[in-house]
Amino acid sequence: MSPIVVGGPELFLGAGEVYVALLRPKIDPADPGVRLAAEQTGVTPEEFAGSGDVWALMYEDGAGHGEFELPGARDVEADGFAEQLQAALASGEPFTVEAGDFLRIDARPAADAWRLTARVTPPEDEEDGAAAPQTLELGALPAAELLAGLEEFRRALA
């Protein structure tokens, strides 16, 4: 089977095996891999691909990963978070930026980079209750790469 191509806006913060990613996956129902997978599962390609308008947060701490959907999150909120992050980076001062109740980024300058720490708070699960918040040390990330990634993310949302 051919691989399924997943597009959509994605903001990736981190390096290697430790990262956090805010994304809105979009799967093309015309993709041959999607059509084949849909046929094998007995649904239409459109049903298999889904609506493409649900935001998700994925994270990896080097020992394991997690992900959860953000029902009700909108593009304007994701863009607002990215805009706040851009402005905070431009200030050159330590900062904290939050995306709702689920993601907080603490940053402090380190030469031509920023040392980022992410605090991820998964939503309450109806069956299991609240999952434990995770703190991820994302490391020192080059300022130029952070700003370029934010700009690309915001362009993808426009």
Protein backbone atom coordinates (compact mmCIF):
# COMPACT_ATOMS: atom_id res chain seq x y z
CA MET A 1 0.00 0.00 0.00
CA SER A 2 1.26 3.50 -0.76
CA PRO A 3 1.86 5.78 2.21
CA ILE A 4 -0.90 8.21 3.14
CA VAL A 5 0.20 11.82 2.83
CA VAL A 6 -0.92 14.00 5.72
CA GLY A 7 -0.88 17.75 5.25
CA GLY A 8 -2.22 20.71 7.18
CA PRO A 9 -0.63 23.36 9.37
CA GLU A 10 1.89 22.14 11.94
CA LEU A 11 3.96 23.96 14.54
CA PHE A 12 6.84 21.73 15.67
CA LEU A 13 8.92 22.81 18.68
CA GLY A 14 11.85 20.70 19.80
CA ALA A 15 14.64 18.59 18.46
CA GLY A 16 15.16 14.88 17.98
CA GLU A 17 13.18 12.73 20.36
CA VAL A 18 11.81 15.53 22.54
CA TYR A 19 9.19 17.77 20.95
CA VAL A 20 5.71 19.19 21.06
CA ALA A 21 3.66 19.71 17.90
CA LEU A 22 0.42 21.62 17.43
CA LEU A 23 -1.24 20.48 14.22
CA ARG A 24 -4.42 20.25 12.20
CA PRO A 25 -3.99 17.10 10.10
CA LYS A 26 -5.59 17.08 6.68
CA ILE A 27 -5.82 13.90 4.67
CA ASP A 28 -6.69 14.11 0.97
CA PRO A 29 -9.52 11.68 0.10
CA ALA A 30 -8.16 11.54 -3.49
CA ASP A 31 -4.81 10.15 -2.28
CA PRO A 32 -4.43 6.57 -3.62
CA GLY A 33 -3.38 5.30 -0.20
CA VAL A 34 -6.47 6.83 1.41
CA ARG A 35 -8.75 5.37 -1.26
CA LEU A 36 -7.26 1.89 -0.76
CA ALA A 37 -7.43 2.11 3.04
CA ALA A 38 -11.03 3.33 2.88
CA GLU A 39 -11.96 0.46 0.59
CA GLN A 40 -10.31 -2.05 2.94
CA THR A 41 -12.21 -0.66 5.95
CA GLY A 42 -15.52 -0.40 4.13
CA VAL A 43 -15.99 3.37 4.28
CA THR A 44 -15.85 6.15 1.72
CA PRO A 45 -12.53 7.97 1.21
CA GLU A 46 -14.17 11.13 2.59
CA GLU A 47 -15.22 9.32 5.78
CA PHE A 48 -11.75 7.79 6.15
CA ALA A 49 -10.02 11.17 5.65
CA GLY A 50 -12.24 12.92 8.18
CA SER A 51 -13.10 16.58 8.28
CA GLY A 52 -9.56 17.96 8.53
CA ASP A 53 -10.62 20.67 10.95
CA VAL A 54 -9.73 19.13 14.31
CA TRP A 55 -6.61 20.41 16.02
CA ALA A 56 -4.37 18.01 17.92
CA LEU A 57 -1.33 18.20 20.16
CA MET A 58 1.39 15.57 19.95
CA TYR A 59 4.40 15.30 22.21
CA GLU A 60 7.40 13.08 22.81
CA ASP A 61 9.59 13.18 25.91
CA GLY A 62 12.26 10.73 24.77
CA ALA A 63 10.73 7.86 26.74
CA GLY A 64 7.23 7.85 25.31
CA HIS A 65 4.73 9.89 23.40
CA GLY A 66 1.25 11.22 23.78
CA GLU A 67 -1.35 12.94 21.72
CA PHE A 68 -4.82 14.31 22.13
CA GLU A 69 -7.42 16.16 20.09
CA LEU A 70 -8.45 19.70 20.85
CA PRO A 71 -12.16 19.77 19.98
CA GLY A 72 -13.41 23.28 19.45
CA ALA A 73 -9.95 24.75 18.81
CA ARG A 74 -9.95 27.12 15.85
CA ASP A 75 -7.35 28.37 13.39
CA VAL A 76 -7.61 31.88 14.81
CA GLU A 77 -6.57 30.60 18.26
CA ALA A 78 -3.60 28.69 16.85
CA ASP A 79 -2.56 31.79 14.92
CA GLY A 80 -2.93 33.92 18.05
CA PHE A 81 -0.65 31.56 19.97
CA ALA A 82 1.95 31.69 17.18
CA GLU A 83 1.71 35.48 17.02
CA GLN A 84 2.27 35.77 20.81
CA LEU A 85 5.24 33.42 20.55
CA GLN A 86 6.75 35.50 17.71
CA ALA A 87 6.33 38.73 19.67
CA ALA A 88 7.81 37.21 22.83
CA LEU A 89 10.84 35.91 20.91
CA ALA A 90 11.38 39.36 19.42
CA SER A 91 11.49 40.90 22.91
CA GLY A 92 14.69 39.03 23.78
CA GLU A 93 13.48 38.58 27.38
CA PRO A 94 12.41 35.40 29.22
CA PHE A 95 8.70 34.73 28.69
CA THR A 96 5.75 32.40 29.11
CA VAL A 97 3.11 31.91 26.41
CA GLU A 98 0.02 29.74 26.78
CA ALA A 99 -2.25 28.02 24.30
CA GLY A 100 -5.45 27.47 26.23
CA ASP A 101 -5.27 25.10 29.18
CA PHE A 102 -3.28 22.46 27.30
CA LEU A 103 0.11 24.00 26.43
CA ARG A 104 2.46 26.45 28.13
CA ILE A 105 5.85 27.40 26.73
CA ASP A 106 8.46 28.92 29.05
CA ALA A 107 11.52 30.34 27.31
CA ARG A 108 14.75 32.04 28.19
CA PRO A 109 17.41 33.35 25.83
CA ALA A 110 20.66 31.42 25.39
CA ALA A 111 23.11 33.17 23.02
CA ASP A 112 21.51 32.98 19.53
CA ALA A 113 19.02 30.35 20.71
CA TRP A 114 16.11 29.97 23.10
CA ARG A 115 15.93 27.32 25.82
CA LEU A 116 12.32 26.11 25.77
CA THR A 117 10.32 24.15 28.32
CA ALA A 118 6.83 22.93 27.42
CA ARG A 119 4.15 22.02 29.92
CA VAL A 120 1.50 19.82 28.30
CA THR A 121 -1.79 19.26 30.12
CA PRO A 122 -4.00 16.63 28.47
CA PRO A 123 -7.76 17.11 28.80
CA GLU A 124 -9.77 14.98 31.19
CA ASP A 125 -10.69 11.62 29.77
CA GLU A 126 -14.30 10.61 30.38
CA GLU A 127 -13.22 7.14 31.51
CA ASP A 128 -9.83 7.71 33.14
CA GLY A 129 -10.17 11.26 34.48
CA ALA A 130 -7.31 13.72 34.10
CA ALA A 131 -3.99 12.55 32.67
CA ALA A 132 -0.89 13.81 34.41
CA PRO A 133 0.64 17.00 33.01
CA GLN A 134 3.99 16.50 31.29
CA THR A 135 6.99 18.83 31.40
CA LEU A 136 9.32 18.57 28.42
CA GLU A 137 12.72 20.21 28.22
CA LEU A 138 12.85 21.02 24.51
CA GLY A 139 16.44 22.24 24.67
CA ALA A 140 18.17 25.23 23.13
CA LEU A 141 16.59 25.92 19.77
CA PRO A 142 18.11 28.37 17.27
CA ALA A 143 16.19 31.64 17.24
CA ALA A 144 16.23 31.91 13.45
CA GLU A 145 14.73 28.42 13.06
CA LEU A 146 12.02 29.14 15.64
CA LEU A 147 11.02 32.36 13.90
CA ALA A 148 11.06 30.72 10.44
CA GLY A 149 8.91 27.84 11.73
CA LEU A 150 6.41 30.25 13.25
CA GLU A 151 6.21 32.25 10.03
CA GLU A 152 5.67 29.10 7.96
CA PHE A 153 2.96 27.93 10.38
CA ARG A 154 1.14 31.25 10.19
CA ARG A 155 1.34 31.24 6.37
CA ALA A 156 -0.20 27.74 6.34
CA LEU A 157 -3.10 29.08 8.41
CA ALA A 158 -3.75 32.08 6.14
